[in-house]
Amino acid sequence: MKVELVTNLKRQATKILADLHLSKEPILITEHGQPSAYLVDVQDYEFMQRRLELLEGLSRGERAVLEGRTYSQSEAREKMCKWLK
């Protein structure tokens, strides 16, 4: 992973962004030697957000199963029919 100082980002934003778009590799931005932020390509960020939403949905489903909040197939069909009308 590439690391850039925040001062370099301020001075060379256009070049750093161009490199980011070419490499698709996230860039760690540091301030005073400490990690401050990650700079990522927009498409990569949106992909990560969709993946996170999917994982959160799976987690909610697993939790529902563990807590016994499930429906039989006929109950689910009945609820979906009502919902789809």
PDB file of N, CA and C in Angstrom:
ATOM      1  N   MET A   1       0.839  -1.178   0.000  1.00  0.00           N
ATOM      2  CA  MET A   1       0.000   0.000   0.000  1.00  0.00           C
ATOM      3  C   MET A   1       0.883   1.240   0.000  1.00  0.00           C
ATOM      4  N   LYS A   2       0.474   2.179  -0.793  1.00  0.00           N
ATOM      5  CA  LYS A   2       1.215   3.431  -0.890  1.00  0.00           C
ATOM      6  C   LYS A   2       0.861   4.324   0.304  1.00  0.00           C
ATOM      7  N   VAL A   3       1.852   5.056   0.788  1.00  0.00           N
ATOM      8  CA  VAL A   3       1.659   5.984   1.910  1.00  0.00           C
ATOM      9  C   VAL A   3       2.075   7.376   1.456  1.00  0.00           C
ATOM     10  N   GLU A   4       1.251   8.355   1.764  1.00  0.00           N
ATOM     11  CA  GLU A   4       1.554   9.744   1.403  1.00  0.00           C
ATOM     12  C   GLU A   4       1.350  10.651   2.609  1.00  0.00           C
ATOM     13  N   LEU A   5       2.199  11.643   2.721  1.00  0.00           N
ATOM     14  CA  LEU A   5       2.018  12.672   3.744  1.00  0.00           C
ATOM     15  C   LEU A   5       0.879  13.592   3.325  1.00  0.00           C
ATOM     16  N   VAL A   6       0.160  14.109   4.293  1.00  0.00           N
ATOM     17  CA  VAL A   6      -0.937  15.017   3.974  1.00  0.00           C
ATOM     18  C   VAL A   6      -0.420  16.255   3.236  1.00  0.00           C
ATOM     19  N   THR A   7       0.791  16.685   3.548  1.00  0.00           N
ATOM     20  CA  THR A   7       1.353  17.841   2.841  1.00  0.00           C
ATOM     21  C   THR A   7       1.589  17.519   1.366  1.00  0.00           C
ATOM     22  N   ASN A   8       2.011  16.281   1.055  1.00  0.00           N
ATOM     23  CA  ASN A   8       2.160  15.879  -0.346  1.00  0.00           C
ATOM     24  C   ASN A   8       0.804  15.860  -1.044  1.00  0.00           C
ATOM     25  N   LEU A   9      -0.224  15.410  -0.340  1.00  0.00           N
ATOM     26  CA  LEU A   9      -1.561  15.400  -0.919  1.00  0.00           C
ATOM     27  C   LEU A   9      -2.011  16.818  -1.255  1.00  0.00           C
ATOM     28  N   LYS A  10      -1.723  17.741  -0.367  1.00  0.00           N
ATOM     29  CA  LYS A  10      -2.086  19.134  -0.620  1.00  0.00           C
ATOM     30  C   LYS A  10      -1.357  19.692  -1.845  1.00  0.00           C
ATOM     31  N   ARG A  11      -0.091  19.364  -1.973  1.00  0.00           N
ATOM     32  CA  ARG A  11       0.737  19.923  -3.047  1.00  0.00           C
ATOM     33  C   ARG A  11       0.553  19.210  -4.387  1.00  0.00           C
ATOM     34  N   GLN A  12       0.296  17.901  -4.334  1.00  0.00           N
ATOM     35  CA  GLN A  12       0.298  17.095  -5.555  1.00  0.00           C
ATOM     36  C   GLN A  12      -1.000  16.307  -5.731  1.00  0.00           C
ATOM     37  N   ALA A  13      -2.120  16.885  -5.349  1.00  0.00           N
ATOM     38  CA  ALA A  13      -3.400  16.173  -5.371  1.00  0.00           C
ATOM     39  C   ALA A  13      -3.715  15.587  -6.742  1.00  0.00           C
ATOM     40  N   THR A  14      -3.516  16.362  -7.792  1.00  0.00           N
ATOM     41  CA  THR A  14      -3.844  15.898  -9.141  1.00  0.00           C
ATOM     42  C   THR A  14      -3.021  14.678  -9.522  1.00  0.00           C
ATOM     43  N   LYS A  15      -1.727  14.716  -9.251  1.00  0.00           N
ATOM     44  CA  LYS A  15      -0.853  13.585  -9.579  1.00  0.00           C
ATOM     45  C   LYS A  15      -1.208  12.359  -8.735  1.00  0.00           C
ATOM     46  N   ILE A  16      -1.439  12.560  -7.445  1.00  0.00           N
ATOM     47  CA  ILE A  16      -1.763  11.448  -6.551  1.00  0.00           C
ATOM     48  C   ILE A  16      -3.082  10.804  -6.972  1.00  0.00           C
ATOM     49  N   LEU A  17      -4.075  11.616  -7.323  1.00  0.00           N
ATOM     50  CA  LEU A  17      -5.350  11.071  -7.786  1.00  0.00           C
ATOM     51  C   LEU A  17      -5.193  10.325  -9.104  1.00  0.00           C
ATOM     52  N   ALA A  18      -4.384  10.845 -10.005  1.00  0.00           N
ATOM     53  CA  ALA A  18      -4.143  10.151 -11.276  1.00  0.00           C
ATOM     54  C   ALA A  18      -3.502   8.790 -11.032  1.00  0.00           C
ATOM     55  N   ASP A  19      -2.514   8.746 -10.142  1.00  0.00           N
ATOM     56  CA  ASP A  19      -1.867   7.480  -9.789  1.00  0.00           C
ATOM     57  C   ASP A  19      -2.866   6.512  -9.163  1.00  0.00           C
ATOM     58  N   LEU A  20      -3.734   7.038  -8.325  1.00  0.00           N
ATOM     59  CA  LEU A  20      -4.752   6.212  -7.660  1.00  0.00           C
ATOM     60  C   LEU A  20      -5.684   5.580  -8.694  1.00  0.00           C
ATOM     61  N   HIS A  21      -6.127   6.364  -9.658  1.00  0.00           N
ATOM     62  CA  HIS A  21      -7.032   5.848 -10.673  1.00  0.00           C
ATOM     63  C   HIS A  21      -6.361   4.792 -11.547  1.00  0.00           C
ATOM     64  N   LEU A  22      -5.069   4.940 -11.785  1.00  0.00           N
ATOM     65  CA  LEU A  22      -4.342   3.949 -12.582  1.00  0.00           C
ATOM     66  C   LEU A  22      -4.086   2.659 -11.809  1.00  0.00           C
ATOM     67  N   SER A  23      -3.618   2.793 -10.576  1.00  0.00           N
ATOM     68  CA  SER A  23      -3.208   1.617  -9.808  1.00  0.00           C
ATOM     69  C   SER A  23      -4.361   0.948  -9.076  1.00  0.00           C
ATOM     70  N   LYS A  24      -5.415   1.708  -8.762  1.00  0.00           N
ATOM     71  CA  LYS A  24      -6.552   1.210  -7.968  1.00  0.00           C
ATOM     72  C   LYS A  24      -6.124   0.786  -6.567  1.00  0.00           C
ATOM     73  N   GLU A  25      -4.917   1.148  -6.176  1.00  0.00           N
ATOM     74  CA  GLU A  25      -4.390   0.778  -4.859  1.00  0.00           C
ATOM     75  C   GLU A  25      -4.690   1.894  -3.860  1.00  0.00           C
ATOM     76  N   PRO A  26      -5.324   1.562  -2.715  1.00  0.00           N
ATOM     77  CA  PRO A  26      -5.595   2.597  -1.715  1.00  0.00           C
ATOM     78  C   PRO A  26      -4.314   3.281  -1.256  1.00  0.00           C
ATOM     79  N   ILE A  27      -4.449   4.527  -0.848  1.00  0.00           N
ATOM     80  CA  ILE A  27      -3.319   5.307  -0.360  1.00  0.00           C
ATOM     81  C   ILE A  27      -3.598   5.700   1.084  1.00  0.00           C
ATOM     82  N   LEU A  28      -2.659   5.401   1.955  1.00  0.00           N
ATOM     83  CA  LEU A  28      -2.776   5.794   3.352  1.00  0.00           C
ATOM     84  C   LEU A  28      -2.213   7.201   3.496  1.00  0.00           C
ATOM     85  N   ILE A  29      -3.020   8.109   4.015  1.00  0.00           N
ATOM     86  CA  ILE A  29      -2.600   9.487   4.239  1.00  0.00           C
ATOM     87  C   ILE A  29      -2.190   9.611   5.702  1.00  0.00           C
ATOM     88  N   THR A  30      -1.010  10.182   5.934  1.00  0.00           N
ATOM     89  CA  THR A  30      -0.529  10.332   7.305  1.00  0.00           C
ATOM     90  C   THR A  30      -0.376  11.807   7.660  1.00  0.00           C
ATOM     91  N   GLU A  31      -0.589  12.089   8.935  1.00  0.00           N
ATOM     92  CA  GLU A  31      -0.348  13.421   9.498  1.00  0.00           C
ATOM     93  C   GLU A  31       0.541  13.242  10.719  1.00  0.00           C
ATOM     94  N   HIS A  32       1.629  13.959  10.759  1.00  0.00           N
ATOM     95  CA  HIS A  32       2.563  13.890  11.884  1.00  0.00           C
ATOM     96  C   HIS A  32       2.990  12.448  12.153  1.00  0.00           C
ATOM     97  N   GLY A  33       3.165  11.681  11.072  1.00  0.00           N
ATOM     98  CA  GLY A  33       3.633  10.304  11.195  1.00  0.00           C
ATOM     99  C   GLY A  33       2.571   9.304  11.602  1.00  0.00           C
ATOM    100  N   GLN A  34       1.336   9.742  11.765  1.00  0.00           N
ATOM    101  CA  GLN A  34       0.261   8.858  12.199  1.00  0.00           C
ATOM    102  C   GLN A  34      -0.759   8.671  11.067  1.00  0.00           C
ATOM    103  N   PRO A  35      -1.324   7.475  10.933  1.00  0.00           N
ATOM    104  CA  PRO A  35      -2.364   7.272   9.930  1.00  0.00           C
ATOM    105  C   PRO A  35      -3.536   8.218  10.173  1.00  0.00           C
ATOM    106  N   SER A  36      -4.040   8.823   9.093  1.00  0.00           N
ATOM    107  CA  SER A  36      -5.114   9.789   9.219  1.00  0.00           C
ATOM    108  C   SER A  36      -6.336   9.399   8.402  1.00  0.00           C
ATOM    109  N   ALA A  37      -6.124   8.899   7.176  1.00  0.00           N
ATOM    110  CA  ALA A  37      -7.239   8.555   6.296  1.00  0.00           C
ATOM    111  C   ALA A  37      -6.735   7.661   5.173  1.00  0.00           C
ATOM    112  N   TYR A  38      -7.679   7.001   4.528  1.00  0.00           N
ATOM    113  CA  TYR A  38      -7.376   6.244   3.326  1.00  0.00           C
ATOM    114  C   TYR A  38      -8.006   6.956   2.145  1.00  0.00           C
ATOM    115  N   LEU A  39      -7.292   7.000   1.056  1.00  0.00           N
ATOM    116  CA  LEU A  39      -7.791   7.549  -0.189  1.00  0.00           C
ATOM    117  C   LEU A  39      -8.015   6.359  -1.116  1.00  0.00           C
ATOM    118  N   VAL A  40      -9.283   6.161  -1.531  1.00  0.00           N
ATOM    119  CA  VAL A  40      -9.609   5.017  -2.382  1.00  0.00           C
ATOM    120  C   VAL A  40     -10.377   5.485  -3.607  1.00  0.00           C
ATOM    121  N   ASP A  41     -10.293   4.709  -4.651  1.00  0.00           N
ATOM    122  CA  ASP A  41     -11.009   4.973  -5.888  1.00  0.00           C
ATOM    123  C   ASP A  41     -12.517   4.877  -5.624  1.00  0.00           C
ATOM    124  N   VAL A  42     -13.309   5.695  -6.286  1.00  0.00           N
ATOM    125  CA  VAL A  42     -14.754   5.737  -6.065  1.00  0.00           C
ATOM    126  C   VAL A  42     -15.396   4.385  -6.338  1.00  0.00           C
ATOM    127  N   GLN A  43     -15.042   3.746  -7.437  1.00  0.00           N
ATOM    128  CA  GLN A  43     -15.638   2.441  -7.755  1.00  0.00           C
ATOM    129  C   GLN A  43     -15.294   1.403  -6.695  1.00  0.00           C
ATOM    130  N   ASP A  44     -14.073   1.427  -6.200  1.00  0.00           N
ATOM    131  CA  ASP A  44     -13.671   0.492  -5.151  1.00  0.00           C
ATOM    132  C   ASP A  44     -14.447   0.757  -3.865  1.00  0.00           C
ATOM    133  N   TYR A  45     -14.607   2.030  -3.526  1.00  0.00           N
ATOM    134  CA  TYR A  45     -15.352   2.387  -2.326  1.00  0.00           C
ATOM    135  C   TYR A  45     -16.806   1.913  -2.431  1.00  0.00           C
ATOM    136  N   GLU A  46     -17.444   2.156  -3.569  1.00  0.00           N
ATOM    137  CA  GLU A  46     -18.835   1.734  -3.748  1.00  0.00           C
ATOM    138  C   GLU A  46     -18.960   0.219  -3.703  1.00  0.00           C
ATOM    139  N   PHE A  47     -17.988  -0.495  -4.269  1.00  0.00           N
ATOM    140  CA  PHE A  47     -17.977  -1.955  -4.206  1.00  0.00           C
ATOM    141  C   PHE A  47     -17.878  -2.423  -2.759  1.00  0.00           C
ATOM    142  N   MET A  48     -16.998  -1.794  -1.990  1.00  0.00           N
ATOM    143  CA  MET A  48     -16.845  -2.164  -0.573  1.00  0.00           C
ATOM    144  C   MET A  48     -18.135  -1.903   0.199  1.00  0.00           C
ATOM    145  N   GLN A  49     -18.829  -0.806  -0.107  1.00  0.00           N
ATOM    146  CA  GLN A  49     -20.077  -0.490   0.574  1.00  0.00           C
ATOM    147  C   GLN A  49     -21.153  -1.533   0.251  1.00  0.00           C
ATOM    148  N   ARG A  50     -21.247  -1.949  -1.014  1.00  0.00           N
ATOM    149  CA  ARG A  50     -22.220  -2.989  -1.385  1.00  0.00           C
ATOM    150  C   ARG A  50     -21.889  -4.308  -0.686  1.00  0.00           C
ATOM    151  N   ARG A  51     -20.619  -4.636  -0.620  1.00  0.00           N
ATOM    152  CA  ARG A  51     -20.203  -5.870   0.049  1.00  0.00           C
ATOM    153  C   ARG A  51     -20.540  -5.802   1.542  1.00  0.00           C
ATOM    154  N   LEU A  52     -20.311  -4.674   2.153  1.00  0.00           N
ATOM    155  CA  LEU A  52     -20.627  -4.502   3.573  1.00  0.00           C
ATOM    156  C   LEU A  52     -22.127  -4.647   3.819  1.00  0.00           C
ATOM    157  N   GLU A  53     -22.951  -4.051   2.950  1.00  0.00           N
ATOM    158  CA  GLU A  53     -24.404  -4.185   3.089  1.00  0.00           C
ATOM    159  C   GLU A  53     -24.830  -5.649   2.989  1.00  0.00           C
ATOM    160  N   LEU A  54     -24.232  -6.385   2.072  1.00  0.00           N
ATOM    161  CA  LEU A  54     -24.539  -7.802   1.917  1.00  0.00           C
ATOM    162  C   LEU A  54     -24.156  -8.580   3.173  1.00  0.00           C
ATOM    163  N   LEU A  55     -22.966  -8.325   3.688  1.00  0.00           N
ATOM    164  CA  LEU A  55     -22.518  -9.012   4.901  1.00  0.00           C
ATOM    165  C   LEU A  55     -23.403  -8.677   6.101  1.00  0.00           C
ATOM    166  N   GLU A  56     -23.842  -7.425   6.201  1.00  0.00           N
ATOM    167  CA  GLU A  56     -24.736  -7.041   7.293  1.00  0.00           C
ATOM    168  C   GLU A  56     -26.072  -7.765   7.172  1.00  0.00           C
ATOM    169  N   GLY A  57     -26.584  -7.915   5.945  1.00  0.00           N
ATOM    170  CA  GLY A  57     -27.821  -8.655   5.732  1.00  0.00           C
ATOM    171  C   GLY A  57     -27.675 -10.110   6.130  1.00  0.00           C
ATOM    172  N   LEU A  58     -26.557 -10.725   5.762  1.00  0.00           N
ATOM    173  CA  LEU A  58     -26.299 -12.113   6.156  1.00  0.00           C
ATOM    174  C   LEU A  58     -26.223 -12.244   7.679  1.00  0.00           C
ATOM    175  N   SER A  59     -25.594 -11.281   8.312  1.00  0.00           N
ATOM    176  CA  SER A  59     -25.474 -11.303   9.767  1.00  0.00           C
ATOM    177  C   SER A  59     -26.849 -11.200  10.435  1.00  0.00           C
ATOM    178  N   ARG A  60     -27.704 -10.312   9.896  1.00  0.00           N
ATOM    179  CA  ARG A  60     -29.064 -10.188  10.453  1.00  0.00           C
ATOM    180  C   ARG A  60     -29.828 -11.493  10.280  1.00  0.00           C
ATOM    181  N   GLY A  61     -29.662 -12.150   9.127  1.00  0.00           N
ATOM    182  CA  GLY A  61     -30.328 -13.425   8.883  1.00  0.00           C
ATOM    183  C   GLY A  61     -29.852 -14.506   9.831  1.00  0.00           C
ATOM    184  N   GLU A  62     -28.551 -14.587  10.043  1.00  0.00           N
ATOM    185  CA  GLU A  62     -28.007 -15.579  10.982  1.00  0.00           C
ATOM    186  C   GLU A  62     -28.530 -15.330  12.394  1.00  0.00           C
ATOM    187  N   ARG A  63     -28.587 -14.046  12.781  1.00  0.00           N
ATOM    188  CA  ARG A  63     -29.093 -13.700  14.110  1.00  0.00           C
ATOM    189  C   ARG A  63     -30.567 -14.095  14.246  1.00  0.00           C
ATOM    190  N   ALA A  64     -31.348 -13.868  13.196  1.00  0.00           N
ATOM    191  CA  ALA A  64     -32.762 -14.231  13.219  1.00  0.00           C
ATOM    192  C   ALA A  64     -32.931 -15.739  13.389  1.00  0.00           C
ATOM    193  N   VAL A  65     -32.107 -16.515  12.687  1.00  0.00           N
ATOM    194  CA  VAL A  65     -32.186 -17.977  12.811  1.00  0.00           C
ATOM    195  C   VAL A  65     -31.843 -18.395  14.236  1.00  0.00           C
ATOM    196  N   LEU A  66     -30.776 -17.846  14.795  1.00  0.00           N
ATOM    197  CA  LEU A  66     -30.372 -18.194  16.154  1.00  0.00           C
ATOM    198  C   LEU A  66     -31.435 -17.821  17.186  1.00  0.00           C
ATOM    199  N   GLU A  67     -32.152 -16.731  16.926  1.00  0.00           N
ATOM    200  CA  GLU A  67     -33.191 -16.275  17.863  1.00  0.00           C
ATOM    201  C   GLU A  67     -34.546 -16.905  17.567  1.00  0.00           C
ATOM    202  N   GLY A  68     -34.600 -17.763  16.565  1.00  0.00           N
ATOM    203  CA  GLY A  68     -35.848 -18.454  16.249  1.00  0.00           C
ATOM    204  C   GLY A  68     -36.873 -17.580  15.533  1.00  0.00           C
ATOM    205  N   ARG A  69     -36.431 -16.484  14.956  1.00  0.00           N
ATOM    206  CA  ARG A  69     -37.348 -15.596  14.232  1.00  0.00           C
ATOM    207  C   ARG A  69     -37.375 -15.995  12.757  1.00  0.00           C
ATOM    208  N   THR A  70     -37.959 -17.152  12.487  1.00  0.00           N
ATOM    209  CA  THR A  70     -38.034 -17.661  11.123  1.00  0.00           C
ATOM    210  C   THR A  70     -39.471 -18.044  10.800  1.00  0.00           C
ATOM    211  N   TYR A  71     -39.755 -18.266   9.517  1.00  0.00           N
ATOM    212  CA  TYR A  71     -41.075 -18.676   9.056  1.00  0.00           C
ATOM    213  C   TYR A  71     -40.943 -19.967   8.274  1.00  0.00           C
ATOM    214  N   SER A  72     -42.010 -20.754   8.298  1.00  0.00           N
ATOM    215  CA  SER A  72     -42.049 -21.930   7.429  1.00  0.00           C
ATOM    216  C   SER A  72     -42.230 -21.431   5.996  1.00  0.00           C
ATOM    217  N   GLN A  73     -42.068 -22.344   5.048  1.00  0.00           N
ATOM    218  CA  GLN A  73     -42.203 -21.942   3.654  1.00  0.00           C
ATOM    219  C   GLN A  73     -43.615 -21.440   3.362  1.00  0.00           C
ATOM    220  N   SER A  74     -44.626 -22.109   3.904  1.00  0.00           N
ATOM    221  CA  SER A  74     -46.006 -21.683   3.643  1.00  0.00           C
ATOM    222  C   SER A  74     -46.291 -20.332   4.299  1.00  0.00           C
ATOM    223  N   GLU A  75     -45.766 -20.106   5.518  1.00  0.00           N
ATOM    224  CA  GLU A  75     -45.944 -18.802   6.174  1.00  0.00           C
ATOM    225  C   GLU A  75     -45.249 -17.699   5.379  1.00  0.00           C
ATOM    226  N   ALA A  76     -44.072 -17.987   4.899  1.00  0.00           N
ATOM    227  CA  ALA A  76     -43.322 -16.995   4.120  1.00  0.00           C
ATOM    228  C   ALA A  76     -44.057 -16.681   2.817  1.00  0.00           C
ATOM    229  N   ARG A  77     -44.573 -17.721   2.153  1.00  0.00           N
ATOM    230  CA  ARG A  77     -45.317 -17.517   0.905  1.00  0.00           C
ATOM    231  C   ARG A  77     -46.544 -16.640   1.152  1.00  0.00           C
ATOM    232  N   GLU A  78     -47.261 -16.915   2.237  1.00  0.00           N
ATOM    233  CA  GLU A  78     -48.457 -16.138   2.575  1.00  0.00           C
ATOM    234  C   GLU A  78     -48.102 -14.675   2.836  1.00  0.00           C
ATOM    235  N   LYS A  79     -47.043 -14.438   3.597  1.00  0.00           N
ATOM    236  CA  LYS A  79     -46.616 -13.061   3.878  1.00  0.00           C
ATOM    237  C   LYS A  79     -46.167 -12.346   2.607  1.00  0.00           C
ATOM    238  N   MET A  80     -45.437 -13.043   1.748  1.00  0.00           N
ATOM    239  CA  MET A  80     -44.964 -12.426   0.510  1.00  0.00           C
ATOM    240  C   MET A  80     -46.132 -12.101  -0.429  1.00  0.00           C
ATOM    241  N   CYS A  81     -47.119 -12.979  -0.480  1.00  0.00           N
ATOM    242  CA  CYS A  81     -48.284 -12.726  -1.327  1.00  0.00           C
ATOM    243  C   CYS A  81     -49.004 -11.463  -0.873  1.00  0.00           C
ATOM    244  N   LYS A  82     -49.155 -11.304   0.432  1.00  0.00           N
ATOM    245  CA  LYS A  82     -49.806 -10.104   0.977  1.00  0.00           C
ATOM    246  C   LYS A  82     -48.959  -8.865   0.679  1.00  0.00           C
ATOM    247  N   TRP A  83     -47.654  -9.006   0.803  1.00  0.00           N
ATOM    248  CA  TRP A  83     -46.745  -7.886   0.620  1.00  0.00           C
ATOM    249  C   TRP A  83     -46.681  -7.457  -0.842  1.00  0.00           C
ATOM    250  N   LEU A  84     -46.776  -8.413  -1.767  1.00  0.00           N
ATOM    251  CA  LEU A  84     -46.634  -8.124  -3.181  1.00  0.00           C
ATOM    252  C   LEU A  84     -47.930  -7.583  -3.822  1.00  0.00           C
ATOM    253  N   LYS A  85     -49.044  -7.654  -3.109  1.00  0.00           N
ATOM    254  CA  LYS A  85     -50.314  -7.152  -3.670  1.00  0.00           C
ATOM    255  C   LYS A  85     -50.350  -5.648  -3.703  1.00  0.00           C
TER     256      LYS A  85
END
